[in-house]
Structures are given as C-alpha cells and as structure tokens.
Amino acid sequence: MTSVTSDAVLSVGYDPAARVLRVAFRGGGVYDYLDVDADLFEAMLEPHPWHRVSELVKSHRFRELPS
C-alpha cells in the first residue's frame, strides 16, 4: 500500500496479476475494486485522486474487506 495526498483516501495498492485496486479510506473501510487497469491505479497515486477519478473507480465491481 502506498500513502497518497488526499482528504478521502489514506493509501492505495494494486495487484497487476489479479487487476485488483485496493483503496483504504481515511474515514475507515478498505475496498478492493476488481478488473482495474494499471493506468487507473497510476491515477490514484496523484495528489487528491478521489476528486478526479472516483467515478471511474466506483464503476468497477468491489468488495469491502473485513475490519
């Protein structure tokens, strides 16, 4: 997981073999977004990613990880 500069997102990670984007939110909760291209993960590494690409991320199937 890589920390990002964001009011909403704490950190992100990516498994290229499984194409899974993991997002940990500052307000709590960790989600895996499925079948995500690597370029979307790269966009999540930029400052304040949730303002720019949240709709793209949320268009993917997801699962919430147990806390």
Protein backbone atom coordinates (compact mmCIF):
# COMPACT_ATOMS: atom_id res chain seq x y z
CA MET A 1 0.00 0.00 0.00
CA THR A 2 1.20 3.47 -0.91
CA SER A 3 0.15 6.58 1.02
CA VAL A 4 -1.42 9.34 -1.08
CA THR A 5 -2.13 13.02 -0.56
CA SER A 6 -5.89 13.09 -0.23
CA ASP A 7 -8.67 14.17 2.09
CA ALA A 8 -10.61 10.98 1.35
CA VAL A 9 -8.02 8.27 0.61
CA LEU A 10 -5.33 7.10 3.02
CA SER A 11 -3.49 4.64 0.77
CA VAL A 12 -3.79 2.55 -2.38
CA GLY A 13 -2.32 -0.69 -3.65
CA TYR A 14 -2.53 -2.69 -6.86
CA ASP A 15 -2.12 -6.34 -7.79
CA PRO A 16 -1.36 -6.33 -11.53
CA ALA A 17 -1.79 -10.10 -11.94
CA ALA A 18 -5.28 -10.03 -10.41
CA ARG A 19 -6.07 -6.47 -11.65
CA VAL A 20 -7.28 -5.52 -8.17
CA LEU A 21 -7.07 -1.96 -6.85
CA ARG A 22 -7.15 -1.72 -3.05
CA VAL A 23 -8.23 1.59 -1.52
CA ALA A 24 -8.06 2.43 2.20
CA PHE A 25 -10.19 5.44 3.11
CA ARG A 26 -9.38 7.99 5.81
CA GLY A 27 -12.90 7.66 7.24
CA GLY A 28 -12.44 3.91 7.60
CA GLY A 29 -13.01 1.00 5.31
CA VAL A 30 -10.81 -0.82 2.85
CA TYR A 31 -12.18 -1.84 -0.54
CA ASP A 32 -10.93 -3.98 -3.39
CA TYR A 33 -12.05 -2.80 -6.82
CA LEU A 34 -12.00 -5.59 -9.40
CA ASP A 35 -10.78 -5.73 -13.01
CA VAL A 36 -9.00 -2.36 -12.84
CA ASP A 37 -6.42 -1.26 -15.43
CA ALA A 38 -2.97 -0.26 -14.21
CA ASP A 39 -3.43 3.29 -15.55
CA LEU A 40 -6.29 3.86 -13.10
CA PHE A 41 -4.01 2.77 -10.25
CA GLU A 42 -1.39 5.24 -11.53
CA ALA A 43 -4.03 7.99 -11.49
CA MET A 44 -4.78 7.12 -7.86
CA LEU A 45 -1.16 7.90 -6.94
CA GLU A 46 -1.54 11.54 -7.98
CA PRO A 47 -2.49 14.13 -5.31
CA HIS A 48 -6.19 14.21 -4.43
CA PRO A 49 -7.15 11.30 -6.67
CA TRP A 50 -10.67 10.78 -5.37
CA HIS A 51 -11.77 14.19 -6.66
CA ARG A 52 -10.61 13.27 -10.17
CA VAL A 53 -11.23 9.55 -10.69
CA SER A 54 -13.72 8.41 -8.05
CA GLU A 55 -16.48 7.81 -10.61
CA LEU A 56 -14.15 5.64 -12.71
CA VAL A 57 -13.10 3.62 -9.66
CA LYS A 58 -16.68 3.23 -8.42
CA SER A 59 -17.79 1.94 -11.84
CA HIS A 60 -15.96 -1.34 -11.06
CA ARG A 61 -17.31 -4.21 -9.01
CA PHE A 62 -15.94 -4.08 -5.47
CA ARG A 63 -15.79 -5.87 -2.15
CA GLU A 64 -15.33 -4.39 1.29
CA LEU A 65 -12.63 -6.07 3.34
CA PRO A 66 -13.40 -7.03 6.94
CA SER A 67 -12.06 -4.59 9.50
